[in-house]
Amino acid sequence: GQNNCSGMCRDTQADRAHCGMCGNACAAGQTCTAGRCEVVCG
């Protein structure tokens, strides 16, 4: 369930810095859900 992203194990389904794949960072105000960056609504 985790991937090797530059030597660190990351959950690409939930990690904002590695969303969906290594190095794919979500923008400010977004969260990583099921490997996709999504806008977080208040």
PDB file of all heavy atoms in Angstrom:
ATOM      1  N   GLY A   1       0.806  -1.219   0.000  1.00  0.00           N
ATOM      2  CA  GLY A   1       0.000   0.000   0.000  1.00  0.00           C
ATOM      3  C   GLY A   1       0.835   1.264   0.000  1.00  0.00           C
ATOM      4  O   GLY A   1       0.294   2.362  -0.033  1.00  0.00           O
ATOM      5  N   GLN A   2       2.182   1.132   0.045  1.00  0.00           N
ATOM      6  CA  GLN A   2       3.058   2.293   0.034  1.00  0.00           C
ATOM      7  C   GLN A   2       4.061   2.171  -1.112  1.00  0.00           C
ATOM      8  O   GLN A   2       4.332   1.079  -1.604  1.00  0.00           O
ATOM      9  CB  GLN A   2       3.792   2.430   1.362  1.00  0.00           C
ATOM     10  CG  GLN A   2       2.866   2.707   2.518  1.00  0.00           C
ATOM     11  CD  GLN A   2       3.621   3.006   3.798  1.00  0.00           C
ATOM     12  OE1 GLN A   2       4.830   3.161   3.811  1.00  0.00           O
ATOM     13  NE2 GLN A   2       2.885   3.085   4.885  1.00  0.00           N
ATOM     14  N   ASN A   3       4.595   3.321  -1.538  1.00  0.00           N
ATOM     15  CA  ASN A   3       5.568   3.372  -2.629  1.00  0.00           C
ATOM     16  C   ASN A   3       6.862   4.002  -2.147  1.00  0.00           C
ATOM     17  O   ASN A   3       6.851   4.878  -1.273  1.00  0.00           O
ATOM     18  CB  ASN A   3       5.026   4.195  -3.802  1.00  0.00           C
ATOM     19  CG  ASN A   3       3.826   3.557  -4.441  1.00  0.00           C
ATOM     20  OD1 ASN A   3       3.842   2.379  -4.759  1.00  0.00           O
ATOM     21  ND2 ASN A   3       2.761   4.326  -4.613  1.00  0.00           N
ATOM     22  N   ASN A   4       7.983   3.596  -2.752  1.00  0.00           N
ATOM     23  CA  ASN A   4       9.284   4.167  -2.456  1.00  0.00           C
ATOM     24  C   ASN A   4       9.420   5.470  -3.244  1.00  0.00           C
ATOM     25  O   ASN A   4       9.588   5.462  -4.451  1.00  0.00           O
ATOM     26  CB  ASN A   4      10.386   3.176  -2.850  1.00  0.00           C
ATOM     27  CG  ASN A   4      11.778   3.685  -2.555  1.00  0.00           C
ATOM     28  OD1 ASN A   4      12.002   4.870  -2.383  1.00  0.00           O
ATOM     29  ND2 ASN A   4      12.728   2.783  -2.526  1.00  0.00           N
ATOM     30  N   CYS A   5       9.332   6.597  -2.536  1.00  0.00           N
ATOM     31  CA  CYS A   5       9.486   7.913  -3.154  1.00  0.00           C
ATOM     32  C   CYS A   5      10.792   8.516  -2.648  1.00  0.00           C
ATOM     33  O   CYS A   5      10.857   9.008  -1.519  1.00  0.00           O
ATOM     34  CB  CYS A   5       8.303   8.819  -2.795  1.00  0.00           C
ATOM     35  SG  CYS A   5       6.714   8.265  -3.443  1.00  0.00           S
ATOM     36  N   SER A   6      11.829   8.401  -3.449  1.00  0.00           N
ATOM     37  CA  SER A   6      13.158   8.915  -3.113  1.00  0.00           C
ATOM     38  C   SER A   6      13.658   8.389  -1.773  1.00  0.00           C
ATOM     39  O   SER A   6      14.207   9.121  -0.958  1.00  0.00           O
ATOM     40  CB  SER A   6      13.163  10.445  -3.111  1.00  0.00           C
ATOM     41  OG  SER A   6      12.798  10.932  -4.375  1.00  0.00           O
ATOM     42  N   GLY A   7      13.439   7.106  -1.528  1.00  0.00           N
ATOM     43  CA  GLY A   7      13.960   6.471  -0.328  1.00  0.00           C
ATOM     44  C   GLY A   7      13.059   6.528   0.889  1.00  0.00           C
ATOM     45  O   GLY A   7      13.430   6.063   1.954  1.00  0.00           O
ATOM     46  N   MET A   8      11.878   7.085   0.758  1.00  0.00           N
ATOM     47  CA  MET A   8      10.918   7.139   1.864  1.00  0.00           C
ATOM     48  C   MET A   8       9.635   6.449   1.413  1.00  0.00           C
ATOM     49  O   MET A   8       9.165   6.670   0.294  1.00  0.00           O
ATOM     50  CB  MET A   8      10.594   8.581   2.255  1.00  0.00           C
ATOM     51  CG  MET A   8      11.760   9.353   2.821  1.00  0.00           C
ATOM     52  SD  MET A   8      12.301   8.790   4.437  1.00  0.00           S
ATOM     53  CE  MET A   8      10.959   9.314   5.455  1.00  0.00           C
ATOM     54  N   CYS A   9       9.072   5.613   2.273  1.00  0.00           N
ATOM     55  CA  CYS A   9       7.810   4.939   1.957  1.00  0.00           C
ATOM     56  C   CYS A   9       6.659   5.927   2.141  1.00  0.00           C
ATOM     57  O   CYS A   9       6.545   6.557   3.196  1.00  0.00           O
ATOM     58  CB  CYS A   9       7.624   3.724   2.860  1.00  0.00           C
ATOM     59  SG  CYS A   9       8.828   2.427   2.527  1.00  0.00           S
ATOM     60  N   ARG A  10       5.861   6.079   1.106  1.00  0.00           N
ATOM     61  CA  ARG A  10       4.747   7.030   1.129  1.00  0.00           C
ATOM     62  C   ARG A  10       3.457   6.354   0.667  1.00  0.00           C
ATOM     63  O   ARG A  10       3.463   5.559  -0.259  1.00  0.00           O
ATOM     64  CB  ARG A  10       5.026   8.212   0.205  1.00  0.00           C
ATOM     65  CG  ARG A  10       6.279   8.971   0.506  1.00  0.00           C
ATOM     66  CD  ARG A  10       6.146   9.728   1.781  1.00  0.00           C
ATOM     67  NE  ARG A  10       7.337  10.536   1.995  1.00  0.00           N
ATOM     68  CZ  ARG A  10       7.547  11.246   3.065  1.00  0.00           C
ATOM     69  NH1 ARG A  10       6.663  11.255   4.038  1.00  0.00           N
ATOM     70  NH2 ARG A  10       8.640  11.937   3.199  1.00  0.00           N
ATOM     71  N   ASP A  11       2.349   6.725   1.304  1.00  0.00           N
ATOM     72  CA  ASP A  11       1.027   6.268   0.892  1.00  0.00           C
ATOM     73  C   ASP A  11       0.533   7.246  -0.161  1.00  0.00           C
ATOM     74  O   ASP A  11       0.016   8.317   0.170  1.00  0.00           O
ATOM     75  CB  ASP A  11       0.090   6.228   2.099  1.00  0.00           C
ATOM     76  CG  ASP A  11      -1.324   5.805   1.747  1.00  0.00           C
ATOM     77  OD1 ASP A  11      -1.619   5.586   0.553  1.00  0.00           O
ATOM     78  OD2 ASP A  11      -2.139   5.690   2.673  1.00  0.00           O
ATOM     79  N   THR A  12       0.692   6.917  -1.424  1.00  0.00           N
ATOM     80  CA  THR A  12       0.320   7.838  -2.505  1.00  0.00           C
ATOM     81  C   THR A  12      -1.189   8.002  -2.655  1.00  0.00           C
ATOM     82  O   THR A  12      -1.647   8.791  -3.476  1.00  0.00           O
ATOM     83  CB  THR A  12       0.934   7.379  -3.856  1.00  0.00           C
ATOM     84  OG1 THR A  12       0.517   6.049  -4.131  1.00  0.00           O
ATOM     85  CG2 THR A  12       2.456   7.456  -3.826  1.00  0.00           C
ATOM     86  N   GLN A  13      -1.954   7.298  -1.852  1.00  0.00           N
ATOM     87  CA  GLN A  13      -3.406   7.480  -1.845  1.00  0.00           C
ATOM     88  C   GLN A  13      -3.827   8.593  -0.886  1.00  0.00           C
ATOM     89  O   GLN A  13      -4.938   9.106  -0.984  1.00  0.00           O
ATOM     90  CB  GLN A  13      -4.105   6.179  -1.451  1.00  0.00           C
ATOM     91  CG  GLN A  13      -3.898   5.055  -2.451  1.00  0.00           C
ATOM     92  CD  GLN A  13      -4.446   5.420  -3.822  1.00  0.00           C
ATOM     93  OE1 GLN A  13      -5.631   5.621  -3.996  1.00  0.00           O
ATOM     94  NE2 GLN A  13      -3.557   5.520  -4.799  1.00  0.00           N
ATOM     95  N   ALA A  14      -2.915   9.000   0.041  1.00  0.00           N
ATOM     96  CA  ALA A  14      -3.286   9.995   1.047  1.00  0.00           C
ATOM     97  C   ALA A  14      -2.214  11.056   1.309  1.00  0.00           C
ATOM     98  O   ALA A  14      -2.479  12.031   1.998  1.00  0.00           O
ATOM     99  CB  ALA A  14      -3.616   9.286   2.363  1.00  0.00           C
ATOM    100  N   ASP A  15      -1.009  10.918   0.777  1.00  0.00           N
ATOM    101  CA  ASP A  15       0.105  11.840   1.055  1.00  0.00           C
ATOM    102  C   ASP A  15       0.020  13.054   0.133  1.00  0.00           C
ATOM    103  O   ASP A  15       0.132  12.925  -1.083  1.00  0.00           O
ATOM    104  CB  ASP A  15       1.423  11.095   0.849  1.00  0.00           C
ATOM    105  CG  ASP A  15       2.633  11.883   1.318  1.00  0.00           C
ATOM    106  OD1 ASP A  15       2.666  13.117   1.146  1.00  0.00           O
ATOM    107  OD2 ASP A  15       3.553  11.244   1.850  1.00  0.00           O
ATOM    108  N   ARG A  16      -0.166  14.256   0.708  1.00  0.00           N
ATOM    109  CA  ARG A  16      -0.299  15.483  -0.092  1.00  0.00           C
ATOM    110  C   ARG A  16       0.929  15.764  -0.948  1.00  0.00           C
ATOM    111  O   ARG A  16       0.829  16.363  -2.004  1.00  0.00           O
ATOM    112  CB  ARG A  16      -0.559  16.691   0.816  1.00  0.00           C
ATOM    113  CG  ARG A  16      -1.949  16.710   1.409  1.00  0.00           C
ATOM    114  CD  ARG A  16      -2.250  18.018   2.129  1.00  0.00           C
ATOM    115  NE  ARG A  16      -2.292  19.108   1.162  1.00  0.00           N
ATOM    116  CZ  ARG A  16      -1.464  20.150   1.179  1.00  0.00           C
ATOM    117  NH1 ARG A  16      -0.546  20.278   2.093  1.00  0.00           N
ATOM    118  NH2 ARG A  16      -1.573  21.096   0.263  1.00  0.00           N
ATOM    119  N   ALA A  17       2.124  15.354  -0.497  1.00  0.00           N
ATOM    120  CA  ALA A  17       3.352  15.625  -1.249  1.00  0.00           C
ATOM    121  C   ALA A  17       3.588  14.599  -2.366  1.00  0.00           C
ATOM    122  O   ALA A  17       4.392  14.837  -3.262  1.00  0.00           O
ATOM    123  CB  ALA A  17       4.542  15.646  -0.303  1.00  0.00           C
ATOM    124  N   HIS A  18       2.890  13.485  -2.303  1.00  0.00           N
ATOM    125  CA  HIS A  18       3.058  12.400  -3.278  1.00  0.00           C
ATOM    126  C   HIS A  18       1.693  11.793  -3.582  1.00  0.00           C
ATOM    127  O   HIS A  18       1.434  10.633  -3.322  1.00  0.00           O
ATOM    128  CB  HIS A  18       4.013  11.331  -2.729  1.00  0.00           C
ATOM    129  CG  HIS A  18       5.337  11.880  -2.327  1.00  0.00           C
ATOM    130  ND1 HIS A  18       6.335  12.143  -3.234  1.00  0.00           N
ATOM    131  CD2 HIS A  18       5.818  12.240  -1.109  1.00  0.00           C
ATOM    132  CE1 HIS A  18       7.383  12.629  -2.598  1.00  0.00           C
ATOM    133  NE2 HIS A  18       7.092  12.710  -1.324  1.00  0.00           N
ATOM    134  N   CYS A  19       0.797  12.594  -4.136  1.00  0.00           N
ATOM    135  CA  CYS A  19      -0.588  12.191  -4.338  1.00  0.00           C
ATOM    136  C   CYS A  19      -0.777  11.495  -5.688  1.00  0.00           C
ATOM    137  O   CYS A  19      -0.602  12.106  -6.739  1.00  0.00           O
ATOM    138  CB  CYS A  19      -1.509  13.406  -4.239  1.00  0.00           C
ATOM    139  SG  CYS A  19      -3.260  12.980  -4.219  1.00  0.00           S
ATOM    140  N   GLY A  20      -1.093  10.213  -5.636  1.00  0.00           N
ATOM    141  CA  GLY A  20      -1.299   9.435  -6.846  1.00  0.00           C
ATOM    142  C   GLY A  20      -0.019   8.845  -7.397  1.00  0.00           C
ATOM    143  O   GLY A  20      -0.016   7.776  -7.971  1.00  0.00           O
ATOM    144  N   MET A  21       1.099   9.565  -7.220  1.00  0.00           N
ATOM    145  CA  MET A  21       2.417   9.080  -7.629  1.00  0.00           C
ATOM    146  C   MET A  21       3.487   9.927  -6.937  1.00  0.00           C
ATOM    147  O   MET A  21       3.203  11.028  -6.452  1.00  0.00           O
ATOM    148  CB  MET A  21       2.578   9.147  -9.146  1.00  0.00           C
ATOM    149  CG  MET A  21       2.545  10.529  -9.716  1.00  0.00           C
ATOM    150  SD  MET A  21       2.673  10.451 -11.500  1.00  0.00           S
ATOM    151  CE  MET A  21       2.578  12.177 -11.912  1.00  0.00           C
ATOM    152  N   CYS A  22       4.674   9.419  -6.889  1.00  0.00           N
ATOM    153  CA  CYS A  22       5.777  10.124  -6.238  1.00  0.00           C
ATOM    154  C   CYS A  22       6.007  11.489  -6.882  1.00  0.00           C
ATOM    155  O   CYS A  22       5.998  11.624  -8.102  1.00  0.00           O
ATOM    156  CB  CYS A  22       7.062   9.296  -6.329  1.00  0.00           C
ATOM    157  SG  CYS A  22       6.983   7.749  -5.413  1.00  0.00           S
ATOM    158  N   GLY A  23       6.173  12.517  -6.032  1.00  0.00           N
ATOM    159  CA  GLY A  23       6.488  13.858  -6.501  1.00  0.00           C
ATOM    160  C   GLY A  23       5.304  14.690  -6.948  1.00  0.00           C
ATOM    161  O   GLY A  23       5.462  15.864  -7.274  1.00  0.00           O
ATOM    162  N   ASN A  24       4.102  14.139  -6.961  1.00  0.00           N
ATOM    163  CA  ASN A  24       2.913  14.881  -7.373  1.00  0.00           C
ATOM    164  C   ASN A  24       2.288  15.536  -6.144  1.00  0.00           C
ATOM    165  O   ASN A  24       1.504  14.909  -5.436  1.00  0.00           O
ATOM    166  CB  ASN A  24       1.905  13.949  -8.060  1.00  0.00           C
ATOM    167  CG  ASN A  24       0.724  14.715  -8.617  1.00  0.00           C
ATOM    168  OD1 ASN A  24       0.893  15.740  -9.246  1.00  0.00           O
ATOM    169  ND2 ASN A  24      -0.469  14.199  -8.372  1.00  0.00           N
ATOM    170  N   ALA A  25       2.654  16.791  -5.891  1.00  0.00           N
ATOM    171  CA  ALA A  25       2.181  17.501  -4.706  1.00  0.00           C
ATOM    172  C   ALA A  25       0.859  18.205  -4.960  1.00  0.00           C
ATOM    173  O   ALA A  25       0.659  18.798  -6.032  1.00  0.00           O
ATOM    174  CB  ALA A  25       3.216  18.521  -4.260  1.00  0.00           C
ATOM    175  N   CYS A  26      -0.028  18.149  -3.974  1.00  0.00           N
ATOM    176  CA  CYS A  26      -1.296  18.879  -4.053  1.00  0.00           C
ATOM    177  C   CYS A  26      -1.030  20.353  -3.760  1.00  0.00           C
ATOM    178  O   CYS A  26      -0.157  20.699  -2.965  1.00  0.00           O
ATOM    179  CB  CYS A  26      -2.294  18.329  -3.032  1.00  0.00           C
ATOM    180  SG  CYS A  26      -2.814  16.630  -3.333  1.00  0.00           S
ATOM    181  N   ALA A  27      -1.800  21.217  -4.373  1.00  0.00           N
ATOM    182  CA  ALA A  27      -1.687  22.656  -4.151  1.00  0.00           C
ATOM    183  C   ALA A  27      -2.224  23.028  -2.768  1.00  0.00           C
ATOM    184  O   ALA A  27      -2.936  22.244  -2.135  1.00  0.00           O
ATOM    185  CB  ALA A  27      -2.475  23.396  -5.235  1.00  0.00           C
ATOM    186  N   ALA A  28      -1.889  24.225  -2.325  1.00  0.00           N
ATOM    187  CA  ALA A  28      -2.395  24.731  -1.044  1.00  0.00           C
ATOM    188  C   ALA A  28      -3.918  24.685  -1.066  1.00  0.00           C
ATOM    189  O   ALA A  28      -4.548  24.981  -2.082  1.00  0.00           O
ATOM    190  CB  ALA A  28      -1.911  26.155  -0.816  1.00  0.00           C
ATOM    191  N   GLY A  29      -4.512  24.267   0.036  1.00  0.00           N
ATOM    192  CA  GLY A  29      -5.960  24.184   0.134  1.00  0.00           C
ATOM    193  C   GLY A  29      -6.531  22.890  -0.413  1.00  0.00           C
ATOM    194  O   GLY A  29      -7.741  22.709  -0.439  1.00  0.00           O
ATOM    195  N   GLN A  30      -5.665  21.992  -0.877  1.00  0.00           N
ATOM    196  CA  GLN A  30      -6.122  20.700  -1.378  1.00  0.00           C
ATOM    197  C   GLN A  30      -5.667  19.586  -0.443  1.00  0.00           C
ATOM    198  O   GLN A  30      -4.705  19.733   0.295  1.00  0.00           O
ATOM    199  CB  GLN A  30      -5.567  20.421  -2.780  1.00  0.00           C
ATOM    200  CG  GLN A  30      -6.124  21.307  -3.850  1.00  0.00           C
ATOM    201  CD  GLN A  30      -5.600  20.914  -5.225  1.00  0.00           C
ATOM    202  OE1 GLN A  30      -4.480  20.453  -5.370  1.00  0.00           O
ATOM    203  NE2 GLN A  30      -6.425  21.122  -6.244  1.00  0.00           N
ATOM    204  N   THR A  31      -6.365  18.474  -0.516  1.00  0.00           N
ATOM    205  CA  THR A  31      -6.009  17.286   0.237  1.00  0.00           C
ATOM    206  C   THR A  31      -5.889  16.133  -0.756  1.00  0.00           C
ATOM    207  O   THR A  31      -6.380  16.221  -1.880  1.00  0.00           O
ATOM    208  CB  THR A  31      -7.065  16.979   1.322  1.00  0.00           C
ATOM    209  OG1 THR A  31      -6.610  15.913   2.128  1.00  0.00           O
ATOM    210  CG2 THR A  31      -8.405  16.642   0.730  1.00  0.00           C
ATOM    211  N   CYS A  32      -5.213  15.068  -0.352  1.00  0.00           N
ATOM    212  CA  CYS A  32      -5.071  13.901  -1.215  1.00  0.00           C
ATOM    213  C   CYS A  32      -6.044  12.832  -0.742  1.00  0.00           C
ATOM    214  O   CYS A  32      -5.933  12.323   0.376  1.00  0.00           O
ATOM    215  CB  CYS A  32      -3.634  13.379  -1.166  1.00  0.00           C
ATOM    216  SG  CYS A  32      -3.346  11.961  -2.252  1.00  0.00           S
ATOM    217  N   THR A  33      -6.990  12.493  -1.581  1.00  0.00           N
ATOM    218  CA  THR A  33      -7.988  11.487  -1.267  1.00  0.00           C
ATOM    219  C   THR A  33      -8.033  10.458  -2.394  1.00  0.00           C
ATOM    220  O   THR A  33      -8.236  10.823  -3.550  1.00  0.00           O
ATOM    221  CB  THR A  33      -9.381  12.140  -1.101  1.00  0.00           C
ATOM    222  OG1 THR A  33      -9.306  13.156  -0.097  1.00  0.00           O
ATOM    223  CG2 THR A  33     -10.425  11.115  -0.707  1.00  0.00           C
ATOM    224  N   ALA A  34      -7.797   9.210  -2.062  1.00  0.00           N
ATOM    225  CA  ALA A  34      -7.792   8.119  -3.048  1.00  0.00           C
ATOM    226  C   ALA A  34      -6.869   8.416  -4.219  1.00  0.00           C
ATOM    227  O   ALA A  34      -7.181   8.139  -5.375  1.00  0.00           O
ATOM    228  CB  ALA A  34      -9.210   7.817  -3.519  1.00  0.00           C
ATOM    229  N   GLY A  35      -5.714   9.053  -3.918  1.00  0.00           N
ATOM    230  CA  GLY A  35      -4.721   9.327  -4.956  1.00  0.00           C
ATOM    231  C   GLY A  35      -5.028  10.511  -5.856  1.00  0.00           C
ATOM    232  O   GLY A  35      -4.386  10.692  -6.876  1.00  0.00           O
ATOM    233  N   ARG A  36      -5.988  11.355  -5.457  1.00  0.00           N
ATOM    234  CA  ARG A  36      -6.348  12.524  -6.242  1.00  0.00           C
ATOM    235  C   ARG A  36      -6.355  13.757  -5.367  1.00  0.00           C
ATOM    236  O   ARG A  36      -6.840  13.728  -4.238  1.00  0.00           O
ATOM    237  CB  ARG A  36      -7.731  12.340  -6.863  1.00  0.00           C
ATOM    238  CG  ARG A  36      -7.767  11.173  -7.843  1.00  0.00           C
ATOM    239  CD  ARG A  36      -9.105  11.023  -8.477  1.00  0.00           C
ATOM    240  NE  ARG A  36      -9.351  12.227  -9.289  1.00  0.00           N
ATOM    241  CZ  ARG A  36     -10.540  12.570  -9.730  1.00  0.00           C
ATOM    242  NH1 ARG A  36     -11.598  11.859  -9.427  1.00  0.00           N
ATOM    243  NH2 ARG A  36     -10.685  13.647 -10.454  1.00  0.00           N
ATOM    244  N   CYS A  37      -5.815  14.868  -5.892  1.00  0.00           N
ATOM    245  CA  CYS A  37      -5.856  16.141  -5.170  1.00  0.00           C
ATOM    246  C   CYS A  37      -7.257  16.728  -5.300  1.00  0.00           C
ATOM    247  O   CYS A  37      -7.809  16.794  -6.403  1.00  0.00           O
ATOM    248  CB  CYS A  37      -4.832  17.107  -5.745  1.00  0.00           C
ATOM    249  SG  CYS A  37      -3.119  16.583  -5.489  1.00  0.00           S
ATOM    250  N   GLU A  38      -7.821  17.112  -4.159  1.00  0.00           N
ATOM    251  CA  GLU A  38      -9.164  17.673  -4.139  1.00  0.00           C
ATOM    252  C   GLU A  38      -9.188  18.917  -3.277  1.00  0.00           C
ATOM    253  O   GLU A  38      -8.454  19.029  -2.296  1.00  0.00           O
ATOM    254  CB  GLU A  38     -10.159  16.661  -3.588  1.00  0.00           C
ATOM    255  CG  GLU A  38     -10.265  15.397  -4.420  1.00  0.00           C
ATOM    256  CD  GLU A  38     -11.240  14.386  -3.850  1.00  0.00           C
ATOM    257  OE1 GLU A  38     -11.666  14.538  -2.690  1.00  0.00           O
ATOM    258  OE2 GLU A  38     -11.578  13.436  -4.575  1.00  0.00           O
ATOM    259  N   VAL A  39     -10.057  19.851  -3.636  1.00  0.00           N
ATOM    260  CA  VAL A  39     -10.240  21.073  -2.872  1.00  0.00           C
ATOM    261  C   VAL A  39     -10.911  20.750  -1.549  1.00  0.00           C
ATOM    262  O   VAL A  39     -11.865  19.969  -1.515  1.00  0.00           O
ATOM    263  CB  VAL A  39     -11.085  22.113  -3.666  1.00  0.00           C
ATOM    264  CG1 VAL A  39     -11.379  23.332  -2.822  1.00  0.00           C
ATOM    265  CG2 VAL A  39     -10.357  22.488  -4.956  1.00  0.00           C
ATOM    266  N   VAL A  40     -10.409  21.359  -0.485  1.00  0.00           N
ATOM    267  CA  VAL A  40     -11.000  21.177   0.846  1.00  0.00           C
ATOM    268  C   VAL A  40     -11.955  22.350   1.079  1.00  0.00           C
ATOM    269  O   VAL A  40     -11.548  23.500   1.054  1.00  0.00           O
ATOM    270  CB  VAL A  40      -9.916  21.167   1.940  1.00  0.00           C
ATOM    271  CG1 VAL A  40     -10.539  21.034   3.306  1.00  0.00           C
ATOM    272  CG2 VAL A  40      -8.929  20.044   1.683  1.00  0.00           C
ATOM    273  N   CYS A  41     -13.224  22.034   1.287  1.00  0.00           N
ATOM    274  CA  CYS A  41     -14.220  23.076   1.542  1.00  0.00           C
ATOM    275  C   CYS A  41     -14.434  23.225   3.044  1.00  0.00           C
ATOM    276  O   CYS A  41     -14.436  22.238   3.764  1.00  0.00           O
ATOM    277  CB  CYS A  41     -15.545  22.732   0.869  1.00  0.00           C
ATOM    278  SG  CYS A  41     -15.422  22.655  -0.922  1.00  0.00           S
ATOM    279  N   GLY A  42     -14.618  24.442   3.492  1.00  0.00           N
ATOM    280  CA  GLY A  42     -14.867  24.703   4.907  1.00  0.00           C
ATOM    281  C   GLY A  42     -16.291  24.331   5.286  1.00  0.00           C
ATOM    282  O   GLY A  42     -17.175  24.192   4.449  1.00  0.00           O
TER     283      GLY A  42
END
